[in-house]
């Protein structure tokens, strides 16, 4: 699970004329960003951040002066070094560690690869691209990240209960 950096947010565009940017939050919200002074290997220094009251944030970085510079950053991922993150407890994970893992059932059948982690309010949901994709029907499978559904995981694979796999 050794990815060098973790993405906490992404810049979606400029906000106002002073160089503030709008952020799409991918981690634990504004508080997770406030814990760090700099991002992107030190190239962005956080001066201030606030909620946009729509689930995102408005941020000001010291290196961004004016709307034109802010617009040039659209699409930029806001990252921190993995070692700057707190240690994980048992059964905790970073979303980035789950994406790209091979997925198999507890019966040993290879079914695909994890491609995303979603959260619609109740729990994290792992999206799995089925390999090979079926000729008809859905090409992905959504599985809740619960002990009943995901039996185990490590740096190489996710093992899901056969009960959650489409046949």
Foldseek 3Di string as FASTA:
>chain_A
DDDFKDFQWAFAAADDWFFKTKIQGDPPPPVVVVLDQAWDVRPWGWDDKDDPVPNIIITHTPVGGTRVSRRVRHGPTTMDTPVSDDDDDPPDDDFVQQFFAFEEEPVGHGFFGFHGWDPPDDAIKTKGQGVPADPDDDRIFIFGSDCQFFVDDDSHYTYGHPVRDDD
